[in-house]
């Protein structure tokens, strides 16, 4: 097996369980190729961990085991899958939810690999060519541990010769319908990079429905397939969904229909977020709850948007159409935007706007999205309910 030597003084964070091997921590790694297993050693050639090369973020690869004698084979992955399955027994036995994450990357022991369950239809996502090299072992282990109706895969790395799609089982007719907290959504596992629902927001959607939607005018920005609107519609006075993508309208309408809600009773706009802020202001529209859940980066013909640089503009735009005593639900899934930094942006922006406010709820990932205790980026989701006076 190949070896990678850490620069002097860099071993402590790995001895403490840090899972991502940073490029700059390794003395030389030109000899390592995608998918290679290697021994991570200190400058005295003492064993620290077994890892694989899977270039992702700023990392060379991910730690797999701290046992020098452990073999990385089908049984290794089976053991991890069995543990992950047992830890999620709650999600296999609750009513009203049949879609959740069954394996979450470094949180469950293999960085660069996630597996989701959509009512028995599984989706495996590969985040590097390196982890894809273990496809045979992982797929066999998956089949030995989990029961599924169908299995699909998506590639989160670029390679013109590797395509995702159907892998195993019975080919379903899409869209399939999943249930989450007694609300129904359409899902397509074979239609581009996204599926129609972000499972990591399940508890945030529930909180929105249960505490911040009742008898309110609700505005959902960056609405995608309208999930925040759909979950709120039964309690809200009316919902308004806004997204720049043309197909968001039909996808949102279909999700309303699944839940016996006439889409014509709700408002759906295909429009740029800042254009809609201007539209709402011109028409004297006010909302009691405004949901802002933007992508980390977006570009259209007019402008570019970056969460790290431009989130304050979203908050300021929303404040102009927020009812007195209203609530902002502010979200980001950018792993480089820490909770502390996100809170600071919110506080600084609201203070600059000279409004009184309080953080009502601060939420992160649900339990099925298991995080790594020594790797802060694994806690990428931040969702903050802010009451504004």
Protein backbone atom coordinates (compact mmCIF):
# COMPACT_ATOMS: atom_id res chain seq x y z
CA UNK A 1 0.00 0.00 0.00
CA UNK A 2 1.16 3.52 -0.76
CA UNK A 3 2.16 5.96 1.98
CA UNK A 4 1.61 9.68 2.51
CA UNK A 5 3.73 11.50 5.08
CA UNK A 6 2.39 14.42 7.05
CA UNK A 7 4.44 17.54 7.50
CA UNK A 8 5.95 17.84 10.97
CA UNK A 9 3.44 19.02 13.57
CA UNK A 10 0.36 18.28 11.45
CA UNK A 11 -0.49 14.90 12.93
CA UNK A 12 -2.42 16.03 16.01
CA UNK A 13 -5.66 17.00 14.27
CA UNK A 14 -5.78 13.61 12.54
CA UNK A 15 -5.04 11.80 15.78
CA UNK A 16 -8.03 13.73 17.17
CA UNK A 17 -10.28 12.38 14.41
CA UNK A 18 -10.24 15.03 11.65
CA UNK A 19 -11.50 13.13 8.58
CA UNK A 20 -10.49 15.26 5.56
CA UNK A 21 -6.82 15.12 4.63
CA UNK A 22 -5.80 18.63 3.66
CA UNK A 23 -3.47 18.97 0.68
CA UNK A 24 -1.05 21.28 2.44
CA UNK A 25 -0.63 18.92 5.39
CA UNK A 26 1.00 16.20 3.29
CA UNK A 27 4.70 16.42 2.45
CA UNK A 28 4.37 15.09 -1.10
CA UNK A 29 1.51 13.34 -2.83
CA UNK A 30 2.21 13.38 -6.57
CA UNK A 31 2.49 9.59 -6.43
CA UNK A 32 -1.10 9.24 -5.24
CA UNK A 33 -3.85 8.74 -7.83
CA UNK A 34 -7.62 8.98 -7.48
CA UNK A 35 -8.96 5.98 -5.60
CA UNK A 36 -5.61 4.88 -4.16
CA UNK A 37 -5.65 3.48 -0.66
CA UNK A 38 -2.74 4.80 1.37
CA UNK A 39 -1.32 4.82 4.85
CA UNK A 40 -1.18 8.23 6.48
CA UNK A 41 1.95 8.44 8.64
CA UNK A 42 3.72 11.15 10.63
CA UNK A 43 7.22 12.44 9.93
CA UNK A 44 8.60 9.50 11.95
CA UNK A 45 6.68 7.06 9.74
CA UNK A 46 4.31 6.07 12.55
CA UNK A 47 0.86 4.93 11.38
CA UNK A 48 -2.05 7.32 11.91
CA UNK A 49 -4.82 6.16 9.57
CA UNK A 50 -5.77 4.38 6.36
CA UNK A 51 -7.29 6.72 3.80
CA UNK A 52 -8.29 6.89 0.16
CA UNK A 53 -7.56 9.54 -2.47
CA UNK A 54 -10.71 11.41 -3.38
CA UNK A 55 -10.03 15.03 -4.23
CA UNK A 56 -12.91 17.11 -2.88
CA UNK A 57 -13.06 20.64 -1.47
CA UNK A 58 -9.42 21.39 -0.58
CA UNK A 59 -8.76 17.84 0.44
CA UNK A 60 -6.55 15.10 -0.90
CA UNK A 61 -8.87 12.40 0.43
CA UNK A 62 -10.70 10.98 3.42
CA UNK A 63 -9.79 8.80 6.39
CA UNK A 64 -11.46 5.38 6.34
CA UNK A 65 -9.97 3.60 9.34
CA UNK A 66 -7.68 4.10 12.31
CA UNK A 67 -6.99 0.36 12.53
CA UNK A 68 -3.84 -0.51 10.59
CA UNK A 69 -4.95 -4.10 10.10
CA UNK A 70 -8.48 -3.34 8.88
CA UNK A 71 -9.11 -4.29 5.27
CA UNK A 72 -11.14 -1.98 3.06
CA UNK A 73 -13.45 -4.45 1.38
CA UNK A 74 -17.14 -5.33 1.04
CA UNK A 75 -17.34 -6.37 4.69
CA UNK A 76 -15.86 -3.02 5.76
CA UNK A 77 -18.64 -1.12 3.98
CA UNK A 78 -21.28 -3.59 5.20
CA UNK A 79 -20.29 -2.88 8.79
CA UNK A 80 -20.61 0.87 8.28
CA UNK A 81 -23.98 0.45 6.55
CA UNK A 82 -25.28 -1.80 9.32
CA UNK A 83 -24.34 0.77 11.95
CA UNK A 84 -25.89 3.60 9.93
CA UNK A 85 -29.10 1.61 9.48
CA UNK A 86 -29.36 0.82 13.17
CA UNK A 87 -28.82 4.47 14.13
CA UNK A 88 -31.73 5.46 11.89
CA UNK A 89 -34.23 2.93 13.21
CA UNK A 90 -36.48 5.85 14.21
CA UNK A 91 -36.95 6.89 10.58
CA UNK A 92 -37.82 3.35 9.52
CA UNK A 93 -40.66 3.18 12.05
CA UNK A 94 -42.38 6.58 12.11
CA UNK A 95 -45.64 7.36 10.36
CA UNK A 96 -45.93 10.19 7.89
CA UNK A 97 -42.33 10.18 6.63
CA UNK A 98 -40.80 7.70 4.19
CA UNK A 99 -37.87 9.68 2.75
CA UNK A 100 -34.60 10.22 4.61
CA UNK A 101 -30.83 9.88 4.36
CA UNK A 102 -29.50 6.43 5.20
CA UNK A 103 -25.78 7.23 4.92
CA UNK A 104 -24.21 10.67 5.23
CA UNK A 105 -20.60 10.83 4.10
CA UNK A 106 -17.96 11.50 6.73
CA UNK A 107 -20.63 11.53 9.45
CA UNK A 108 -21.08 7.80 8.86
CA UNK A 109 -17.44 7.04 8.11
CA UNK A 110 -16.91 7.53 4.35
CA UNK A 111 -16.41 11.08 3.13
CA UNK A 112 -17.59 11.65 -0.43
CA UNK A 113 -20.51 9.19 -0.35
CA UNK A 114 -24.19 9.76 0.46
CA UNK A 115 -27.22 7.47 0.14
CA UNK A 116 -30.86 8.59 0.34
CA UNK A 117 -34.06 6.58 0.66
CA UNK A 118 -37.09 7.92 -1.20
CA UNK A 119 -39.88 5.55 -0.17
CA UNK A 120 -37.79 2.51 -1.02
CA UNK A 121 -36.09 4.04 -4.06
CA UNK A 122 -32.44 4.62 -3.18
CA UNK A 123 -30.13 7.29 -4.56
CA UNK A 124 -26.38 6.99 -4.13
CA UNK A 125 -24.23 10.06 -4.82
CA UNK A 126 -20.52 9.90 -5.59
CA UNK A 127 -18.58 13.09 -4.86
CA UNK A 128 -15.21 12.18 -6.39
CA UNK A 129 -13.63 9.82 -8.90
CA UNK A 130 -11.76 8.35 -5.95
CA UNK A 131 -14.79 7.04 -4.07
CA UNK A 132 -16.31 5.89 -7.36
CA UNK A 133 -13.38 3.47 -7.69
CA UNK A 134 -14.98 1.55 -4.79
CA UNK A 135 -18.30 1.27 -6.56
CA UNK A 136 -18.26 -2.54 -6.79
CA UNK A 137 -17.62 -3.05 -3.07
CA UNK A 138 -20.08 -0.34 -2.02
CA UNK A 139 -22.92 -1.52 -4.25
CA UNK A 140 -22.52 -5.10 -3.07
CA UNK A 141 -22.45 -4.03 0.56
CA UNK A 142 -25.49 -1.83 0.01
CA UNK A 143 -27.43 -4.70 -1.50
CA UNK A 144 -26.48 -7.01 1.39
CA UNK A 145 -27.61 -4.57 4.11
CA UNK A 146 -30.53 -2.56 2.72
CA UNK A 147 -33.77 -3.52 1.05
CA UNK A 148 -34.73 -1.25 -1.83
CA UNK A 149 -37.14 -1.24 -4.76
CA UNK A 150 -34.74 0.53 -7.09
CA UNK A 151 -31.27 2.04 -6.95
CA UNK A 152 -30.08 5.13 -8.84
CA UNK A 153 -26.82 7.05 -8.80
CA UNK A 154 -25.67 10.59 -9.45
CA UNK A 155 -22.15 11.81 -10.14
CA UNK A 156 -21.11 14.90 -8.21
CA UNK A 157 -17.79 15.06 -10.05
CA UNK A 158 -17.03 15.80 -13.68
CA UNK A 159 -16.17 12.94 -16.00
CA UNK A 160 -17.47 12.77 -19.55
CA UNK A 161 -17.19 8.98 -19.58
CA UNK A 162 -19.23 8.28 -16.44
CA UNK A 163 -22.97 8.83 -16.35
CA UNK A 164 -25.45 8.37 -13.54
CA UNK A 165 -28.88 6.84 -13.69
CA UNK A 166 -30.52 3.50 -12.98
CA UNK A 167 -28.36 0.85 -11.30
CA UNK A 168 -30.48 -1.97 -9.88
CA UNK A 169 -33.98 -3.15 -8.94
CA UNK A 170 -37.29 -2.38 -10.62
CA UNK A 171 -37.33 0.71 -12.82
CA UNK A 172 -40.04 3.04 -11.47
CA UNK A 173 -42.15 5.48 -13.41
CA UNK A 174 -41.21 9.01 -12.38
CA UNK A 175 -42.21 11.08 -10.60
CA UNK A 176 -42.60 8.93 -7.52
CA UNK A 177 -44.44 10.31 -4.51
CA UNK A 178 -42.76 10.56 -1.12
CA UNK A 179 -44.24 11.60 2.20
CA UNK A 180 -42.57 13.89 4.72
CA UNK A 181 -44.27 14.90 7.95
CA UNK A 182 -47.65 13.96 6.41
CA UNK A 183 -47.09 16.14 3.33
CA UNK A 184 -46.56 14.70 -0.17
CA UNK A 185 -43.99 15.64 -2.80
CA UNK A 186 -43.03 14.49 -6.29
CA UNK A 187 -39.51 13.15 -6.75
CA UNK A 188 -37.52 12.24 -9.87
CA UNK A 189 -34.19 10.50 -9.28
CA UNK A 190 -33.26 10.47 -12.96
CA UNK A 191 -33.69 14.13 -13.94
CA UNK A 192 -30.50 16.14 -13.69
CA UNK A 193 -28.58 16.96 -10.52
CA UNK A 194 -31.56 17.52 -8.21
CA UNK A 195 -34.49 15.33 -7.19
CA UNK A 196 -37.33 17.73 -6.40
CA UNK A 197 -36.90 17.90 -2.63
CA UNK A 198 -34.07 18.73 -0.24
CA UNK A 199 -34.36 16.13 2.52
CA UNK A 200 -32.07 18.04 4.86
CA UNK A 201 -34.77 20.69 5.37
CA UNK A 202 -37.45 18.31 6.66
CA UNK A 203 -37.41 19.55 10.27
CA UNK A 204 -37.22 23.19 9.18
CA UNK A 205 -40.31 22.73 7.00
CA UNK A 206 -42.14 21.12 9.92
CA UNK A 207 -41.19 24.00 12.24
CA UNK A 208 -42.38 26.52 9.64
CA UNK A 209 -45.73 24.76 9.29
CA UNK A 210 -46.31 24.24 13.00
CA UNK A 211 -45.25 27.64 14.36
CA UNK A 212 -44.87 30.27 11.65
CA UNK A 213 -47.58 29.69 9.02
CA UNK A 214 -50.93 29.80 10.81
CA UNK A 215 -53.19 32.53 9.40
CA UNK A 216 -50.20 34.23 7.75
CA UNK A 217 -49.37 35.58 4.31
CA UNK A 218 -46.26 33.57 3.45
CA UNK A 219 -43.64 34.40 0.82
CA UNK A 220 -41.24 31.67 -0.32
CA UNK A 221 -38.20 32.97 -2.22
CA UNK A 222 -35.95 30.65 -4.28
CA UNK A 223 -38.93 28.30 -4.03
CA UNK A 224 -37.73 25.54 -6.43
CA UNK A 225 -40.61 22.99 -6.31
CA UNK A 226 -42.48 24.94 -3.64
CA UNK A 227 -41.86 22.64 -0.67
CA UNK A 228 -41.95 25.42 1.96
CA UNK A 229 -45.15 26.76 0.39
CA UNK A 230 -46.84 23.38 0.09
CA UNK A 231 -46.18 22.41 3.71
CA UNK A 232 -47.56 25.77 4.88
CA UNK A 233 -50.54 26.20 2.57
CA UNK A 234 -53.12 24.40 4.69
CA UNK A 235 -52.51 26.77 7.62
CA UNK A 236 -51.49 29.99 5.87
CA UNK A 237 -53.91 32.58 4.53
CA UNK A 238 -52.14 32.26 1.20
CA UNK A 239 -48.65 31.39 -0.04
CA UNK A 240 -46.55 33.06 -2.71
CA UNK A 241 -43.72 31.14 -4.37
CA UNK A 242 -40.99 32.88 -6.37
CA UNK A 243 -38.25 31.23 -8.44
CA UNK A 244 -36.35 32.23 -11.57
CA UNK A 245 -36.54 28.78 -13.20
CA UNK A 246 -39.41 28.40 -15.67
CA UNK A 247 -40.16 24.81 -14.71
CA UNK A 248 -40.58 25.74 -11.04
CA UNK A 249 -44.17 26.79 -11.75
CA UNK A 250 -45.38 23.41 -13.02
CA UNK A 251 -43.41 21.47 -10.39
CA UNK A 252 -44.87 23.62 -7.62
CA UNK A 253 -48.39 23.27 -9.02
CA UNK A 254 -48.01 19.50 -9.09
CA UNK A 255 -46.91 19.39 -5.46
CA UNK A 256 -49.90 21.49 -4.44
CA UNK A 257 -52.16 19.10 -6.34
CA UNK A 258 -50.67 16.07 -4.59
CA UNK A 259 -51.88 17.54 -1.30
CA UNK A 260 -55.40 18.35 -2.55
CA UNK A 261 -54.61 22.08 -2.72
CA UNK A 262 -55.82 23.93 -5.81
CA UNK A 263 -52.73 25.71 -7.21
CA UNK A 264 -54.99 28.51 -8.42
CA UNK A 265 -55.64 29.45 -4.79
CA UNK A 266 -51.92 30.21 -4.33
CA UNK A 267 -49.55 32.63 -6.06
CA UNK A 268 -46.59 31.43 -8.14
CA UNK A 269 -44.15 33.81 -9.87
CA UNK A 270 -41.32 32.97 -12.26
CA UNK A 271 -39.12 35.96 -11.50
CA UNK A 272 -35.75 37.07 -10.20
CA UNK A 273 -35.77 37.52 -6.42
CA UNK A 274 -34.76 41.19 -6.43
CA UNK A 275 -37.20 41.95 -9.23
CA UNK A 276 -39.95 40.44 -7.11
CA UNK A 277 -38.95 42.54 -4.11
CA UNK A 278 -39.39 45.61 -6.32
CA UNK A 279 -42.70 44.28 -7.68
CA UNK A 280 -44.07 43.62 -4.20
CA UNK A 281 -42.99 47.05 -2.99
CA UNK A 282 -44.65 48.79 -5.95
CA UNK A 283 -47.89 46.91 -5.29
CA UNK A 284 -47.81 47.51 -1.52
CA UNK A 285 -47.67 43.78 -0.75
CA UNK A 286 -46.78 42.72 2.78
CA UNK A 287 -45.97 39.27 4.14
CA UNK A 288 -46.07 37.92 7.68
CA UNK A 289 -43.47 35.19 7.02
CA UNK A 290 -40.75 35.34 4.38
CA UNK A 291 -38.62 32.28 3.59
CA UNK A 292 -35.19 32.91 2.05
CA UNK A 293 -33.26 29.77 1.10
CA UNK A 294 -30.89 30.72 -1.73
CA UNK A 295 -28.29 28.65 -3.57
CA UNK A 296 -24.70 29.36 -2.57
CA UNK A 297 -24.06 30.91 -5.97
CA UNK A 298 -26.31 31.88 -8.86
CA UNK A 299 -25.94 33.72 -12.15
CA UNK A 300 -28.47 35.06 -14.61
CA UNK A 301 -28.26 37.50 -17.52
CA UNK A 302 -28.51 40.50 -15.22
CA UNK A 303 -26.29 39.67 -12.26
CA UNK A 304 -24.46 37.16 -10.13
CA UNK A 305 -25.34 36.27 -6.55
CA UNK A 306 -23.08 34.90 -3.82
CA UNK A 307 -24.37 33.89 -0.39
CA UNK A 308 -21.13 34.98 1.26
CA UNK A 309 -21.22 38.47 -0.27
CA UNK A 310 -24.87 39.25 -0.94
CA UNK A 311 -27.03 37.73 1.80
CA UNK A 312 -27.47 41.15 3.43
CA UNK A 313 -29.15 42.41 0.25
CA UNK A 314 -31.74 39.63 0.53
CA UNK A 315 -32.49 40.55 4.14
CA UNK A 316 -32.81 44.26 3.34
CA UNK A 317 -35.09 43.52 0.40
CA UNK A 318 -37.30 41.30 2.53
CA UNK A 319 -37.56 43.87 5.33
CA UNK A 320 -39.24 46.33 2.98
CA UNK A 321 -42.18 43.94 2.43
CA UNK A 322 -42.32 42.30 5.86
CA UNK A 323 -45.33 43.04 8.04
CA UNK A 324 -44.71 44.53 11.50
CA UNK A 325 -44.10 41.66 13.89
CA UNK A 326 -43.29 39.38 10.95
CA UNK A 327 -40.84 36.49 10.72
CA UNK A 328 -37.87 35.86 8.43
CA UNK A 329 -36.72 32.29 7.87
CA UNK A 330 -33.12 32.69 6.73
CA UNK A 331 -31.28 29.61 5.44
CA UNK A 332 -27.97 28.68 3.87
CA UNK A 333 -26.39 25.35 3.00
CA UNK A 334 -22.95 26.83 2.28
CA UNK A 335 -20.46 24.77 4.29
CA UNK A 336 -17.89 27.60 4.29
CA UNK A 337 -20.41 30.00 5.86
CA UNK A 338 -20.17 29.17 9.56
CA UNK A 339 -23.12 29.57 11.90
CA UNK A 340 -21.24 32.28 13.78
CA UNK A 341 -20.53 34.22 10.58
CA UNK A 342 -24.11 33.75 9.34
CA UNK A 343 -25.54 35.07 12.61
CA UNK A 344 -23.21 38.06 12.43
CA UNK A 345 -24.37 38.96 8.92
CA UNK A 346 -28.00 38.77 10.04
CA UNK A 347 -27.43 40.81 13.21
CA UNK A 348 -25.29 43.44 11.47
CA UNK A 349 -27.83 43.84 8.65
CA UNK A 350 -30.82 44.14 10.96
CA UNK A 351 -29.00 46.55 13.25
CA UNK A 352 -28.05 48.65 10.22
CA UNK A 353 -31.72 48.69 9.25
CA UNK A 354 -32.51 49.89 12.79
CA UNK A 355 -35.16 47.28 13.55
CA UNK A 356 -35.73 45.35 16.75
CA UNK A 357 -35.42 41.60 16.35
CA UNK A 358 -34.90 38.32 18.14
CA UNK A 359 -33.72 34.91 17.03
CA UNK A 360 -36.69 32.64 17.67
CA UNK A 361 -35.23 29.31 16.47
CA UNK A 362 -31.79 28.25 15.23
CA UNK A 363 -31.82 24.93 13.42
CA UNK A 364 -29.37 22.67 11.62
CA UNK A 365 -29.41 19.26 10.03
CA UNK A 366 -31.89 16.54 11.03
CA UNK A 367 -30.58 13.41 12.77
CA UNK A 368 -30.51 11.30 9.60
CA UNK A 369 -27.90 13.72 8.24
CA UNK A 370 -25.31 12.58 10.73
CA UNK A 371 -22.45 15.03 11.14
CA UNK A 372 -18.81 14.54 12.09
CA UNK A 373 -17.87 15.92 15.53
CA UNK A 374 -14.39 17.03 14.39
CA UNK A 375 -15.31 18.44 10.96
CA UNK A 376 -17.35 21.66 11.11
CA UNK A 377 -18.26 21.78 7.38
CA UNK A 378 -20.34 18.62 7.89
CA UNK A 379 -22.78 20.86 9.78
CA UNK A 380 -23.42 22.85 6.63
CA UNK A 381 -27.12 23.70 7.03
CA UNK A 382 -28.12 26.79 9.00
CA UNK A 383 -31.77 27.86 9.33
CA UNK A 384 -32.70 30.78 11.58
CA UNK A 385 -36.20 32.05 12.36
CA UNK A 386 -35.98 35.78 13.13
CA UNK A 387 -38.90 37.74 14.58
CA UNK A 388 -38.75 41.36 13.52
CA UNK A 389 -40.67 44.14 15.29
